[in-house]
């Protein structure tokens, strides 16, 4: 029996993350900064509408802390 394909998901290396907010600005449906300016997720499993904004967030992250897993 084959496994169903995994939904695309995003992860952040919080050792690298500086919580500068670029990802929140580019993909606000996925990322947000909490009241203490720490990066949080609205969700980690992504739907099709999230993919392009998250790709832009990955490309724009100054510390390369974001990874998008698409398969």
N, C-alpha and C. Protein backbone atom coordinates (compact mmCIF):
# COMPACT_ATOMS: atom_id res chain seq x y z
N UNK A 1 0.84 -1.18 0.00
CA UNK A 1 0.00 0.00 0.00
C UNK A 1 0.88 1.24 0.00
N UNK A 2 0.63 2.16 -0.91
CA UNK A 2 1.47 3.36 -1.00
C UNK A 2 0.96 4.44 -0.06
N UNK A 3 1.89 5.26 0.38
CA UNK A 3 1.57 6.38 1.26
C UNK A 3 0.99 7.52 0.43
N UNK A 4 0.00 8.23 0.95
CA UNK A 4 -0.47 9.41 0.23
C UNK A 4 0.62 10.48 0.23
N UNK A 5 0.66 11.30 -0.80
CA UNK A 5 1.70 12.33 -0.83
C UNK A 5 1.55 13.29 0.35
N UNK A 6 2.69 13.71 0.88
CA UNK A 6 2.68 14.66 1.98
C UNK A 6 2.35 16.05 1.44
N UNK A 7 1.62 16.79 2.25
CA UNK A 7 1.36 18.18 1.90
C UNK A 7 2.67 18.95 2.01
N UNK A 8 2.85 19.96 1.18
CA UNK A 8 4.04 20.81 1.35
C UNK A 8 4.03 21.41 2.75
N UNK A 9 5.22 21.57 3.32
CA UNK A 9 5.30 22.18 4.64
C UNK A 9 6.53 23.04 4.75
N UNK A 10 6.52 23.91 5.73
CA UNK A 10 7.61 24.86 5.94
C UNK A 10 8.18 24.63 7.33
N UNK A 11 9.48 24.84 7.44
CA UNK A 11 10.11 24.81 8.76
C UNK A 11 11.11 25.95 8.85
N UNK A 12 11.39 26.35 10.07
CA UNK A 12 12.31 27.45 10.33
C UNK A 12 13.37 26.98 11.31
N UNK A 13 14.62 27.29 10.98
CA UNK A 13 15.73 27.03 11.91
C UNK A 13 15.79 28.23 12.85
N UNK A 14 15.23 28.06 14.04
CA UNK A 14 15.15 29.18 14.97
C UNK A 14 16.50 29.56 15.55
N UNK A 15 17.53 28.75 15.33
CA UNK A 15 18.88 29.16 15.73
C UNK A 15 19.40 30.23 14.79
N UNK A 16 18.91 30.26 13.55
CA UNK A 16 19.32 31.27 12.57
C UNK A 16 18.37 32.46 12.51
N UNK A 17 17.10 32.23 12.82
CA UNK A 17 16.05 33.24 12.64
C UNK A 17 16.32 34.46 13.52
N UNK A 18 16.22 35.64 12.92
CA UNK A 18 16.38 36.89 13.66
C UNK A 18 15.04 37.62 13.83
N UNK A 19 13.95 36.98 13.43
CA UNK A 19 12.60 37.54 13.56
C UNK A 19 12.51 38.96 13.00
N UNK A 20 13.08 39.15 11.81
CA UNK A 20 13.06 40.48 11.21
C UNK A 20 11.75 40.80 10.50
N UNK A 21 10.89 39.81 10.28
CA UNK A 21 9.55 40.05 9.77
C UNK A 21 9.38 40.04 8.27
N UNK A 22 10.44 39.81 7.50
CA UNK A 22 10.27 39.75 6.05
C UNK A 22 9.32 38.63 5.66
N UNK A 23 9.46 37.49 6.28
CA UNK A 23 8.58 36.37 5.95
C UNK A 23 7.13 36.69 6.28
N UNK A 24 6.91 37.37 7.38
CA UNK A 24 5.55 37.77 7.74
C UNK A 24 4.97 38.72 6.69
N UNK A 25 5.79 39.64 6.21
CA UNK A 25 5.33 40.59 5.20
C UNK A 25 5.01 39.90 3.88
N UNK A 26 5.77 38.88 3.53
CA UNK A 26 5.61 38.19 2.26
C UNK A 26 4.58 37.06 2.30
N UNK A 27 4.42 36.42 3.44
CA UNK A 27 3.50 35.28 3.57
C UNK A 27 2.73 35.38 4.90
N UNK A 28 1.87 36.40 5.03
CA UNK A 28 1.18 36.61 6.31
C UNK A 28 0.18 35.52 6.67
N UNK A 29 -0.23 34.71 5.73
CA UNK A 29 -1.13 33.60 6.05
C UNK A 29 -0.39 32.47 6.75
N UNK A 30 0.94 32.49 6.67
CA UNK A 30 1.76 31.41 7.23
C UNK A 30 2.54 31.87 8.45
N UNK A 31 3.16 33.05 8.38
CA UNK A 31 4.05 33.53 9.43
C UNK A 31 3.48 34.75 10.15
N UNK A 32 3.82 34.91 11.42
CA UNK A 32 3.53 36.15 12.14
C UNK A 32 4.53 36.31 13.28
N UNK A 33 4.72 37.54 13.70
CA UNK A 33 5.54 37.83 14.87
C UNK A 33 4.60 38.03 16.05
N UNK A 34 4.92 37.37 17.16
CA UNK A 34 4.08 37.50 18.34
C UNK A 34 4.37 38.82 19.06
N UNK A 35 3.73 39.03 20.19
CA UNK A 35 3.87 40.29 20.92
C UNK A 35 5.30 40.55 21.39
N UNK A 36 6.09 39.50 21.50
CA UNK A 36 7.50 39.63 21.89
C UNK A 36 8.43 39.64 20.69
N UNK A 37 7.87 39.77 19.48
CA UNK A 37 8.62 39.78 18.22
C UNK A 37 9.35 38.47 17.93
N UNK A 38 8.76 37.36 18.34
CA UNK A 38 9.29 36.04 17.98
C UNK A 38 8.44 35.48 16.85
N UNK A 39 9.10 34.87 15.89
CA UNK A 39 8.40 34.30 14.75
C UNK A 39 7.54 33.12 15.18
N UNK A 40 6.31 33.09 14.69
CA UNK A 40 5.37 32.01 14.93
C UNK A 40 4.74 31.61 13.60
N UNK A 41 4.01 30.50 13.62
CA UNK A 41 3.31 30.02 12.43
C UNK A 41 1.81 30.09 12.64
N UNK A 42 1.10 30.53 11.61
CA UNK A 42 -0.34 30.30 11.58
C UNK A 42 -0.58 28.84 11.21
N UNK A 43 0.30 28.31 10.36
CA UNK A 43 0.22 26.91 9.94
C UNK A 43 1.57 26.51 9.37
N UNK A 44 1.86 25.21 9.39
CA UNK A 44 3.11 24.72 8.79
C UNK A 44 2.83 23.89 7.55
N UNK A 45 1.68 23.21 7.51
CA UNK A 45 1.29 22.50 6.29
C UNK A 45 0.61 23.49 5.36
N UNK A 46 1.05 23.50 4.12
CA UNK A 46 0.66 24.55 3.19
C UNK A 46 -0.31 24.07 2.14
N UNK A 47 -1.15 24.97 1.68
CA UNK A 47 -1.99 24.67 0.53
C UNK A 47 -1.41 25.41 -0.68
N UNK A 48 -2.01 25.21 -1.83
CA UNK A 48 -1.46 25.76 -3.07
C UNK A 48 -1.32 27.27 -3.02
N UNK A 49 -2.25 27.96 -2.40
CA UNK A 49 -2.19 29.42 -2.34
C UNK A 49 -1.01 29.93 -1.52
N UNK A 50 -0.48 29.10 -0.62
CA UNK A 50 0.64 29.50 0.23
C UNK A 50 2.00 29.36 -0.45
N UNK A 51 2.08 28.53 -1.46
CA UNK A 51 3.40 28.14 -1.98
C UNK A 51 4.19 29.31 -2.53
N UNK A 52 3.62 30.12 -3.39
CA UNK A 52 4.39 31.22 -3.98
C UNK A 52 4.82 32.25 -2.94
N UNK A 53 3.94 32.68 -2.04
CA UNK A 53 4.39 33.59 -0.99
C UNK A 53 5.50 33.00 -0.11
N UNK A 54 5.41 31.72 0.21
CA UNK A 54 6.45 31.10 1.03
C UNK A 54 7.75 30.98 0.24
N UNK A 55 7.67 30.68 -1.05
CA UNK A 55 8.89 30.66 -1.87
C UNK A 55 9.58 32.02 -1.84
N UNK A 56 8.80 33.10 -1.93
CA UNK A 56 9.39 34.45 -1.86
C UNK A 56 10.00 34.70 -0.48
N UNK A 57 9.34 34.22 0.56
CA UNK A 57 9.88 34.38 1.92
C UNK A 57 11.19 33.61 2.07
N UNK A 58 11.25 32.41 1.54
CA UNK A 58 12.48 31.62 1.59
C UNK A 58 13.61 32.37 0.88
N UNK A 59 13.33 32.88 -0.31
CA UNK A 59 14.35 33.57 -1.10
C UNK A 59 14.79 34.89 -0.45
N UNK A 60 13.91 35.50 0.32
CA UNK A 60 14.20 36.81 0.91
C UNK A 60 14.78 36.76 2.31
N UNK A 61 14.73 35.61 2.95
CA UNK A 61 15.20 35.51 4.33
C UNK A 61 16.69 35.82 4.41
N UNK A 62 17.07 36.86 5.14
CA UNK A 62 18.49 37.26 5.19
C UNK A 62 19.40 36.27 5.89
N UNK A 63 18.83 35.37 6.68
CA UNK A 63 19.66 34.39 7.39
C UNK A 63 19.47 32.97 6.86
N UNK A 64 18.70 32.80 5.78
CA UNK A 64 18.42 31.49 5.18
C UNK A 64 17.89 30.51 6.23
N UNK A 65 16.98 30.99 7.07
CA UNK A 65 16.45 30.17 8.16
C UNK A 65 15.21 29.36 7.76
N UNK A 66 14.61 29.67 6.61
CA UNK A 66 13.34 29.04 6.22
C UNK A 66 13.60 27.97 5.16
N UNK A 67 12.96 26.82 5.33
CA UNK A 67 13.03 25.74 4.36
C UNK A 67 11.62 25.35 3.97
N UNK A 68 11.39 25.26 2.67
CA UNK A 68 10.12 24.81 2.12
C UNK A 68 10.31 23.40 1.60
N UNK A 69 9.51 22.47 2.08
CA UNK A 69 9.53 21.09 1.62
C UNK A 69 8.30 20.87 0.76
N UNK A 70 8.52 20.65 -0.53
CA UNK A 70 7.41 20.54 -1.45
C UNK A 70 7.06 19.13 -1.85
N UNK A 71 7.87 18.14 -1.48
CA UNK A 71 7.52 16.78 -1.87
C UNK A 71 7.65 15.82 -0.70
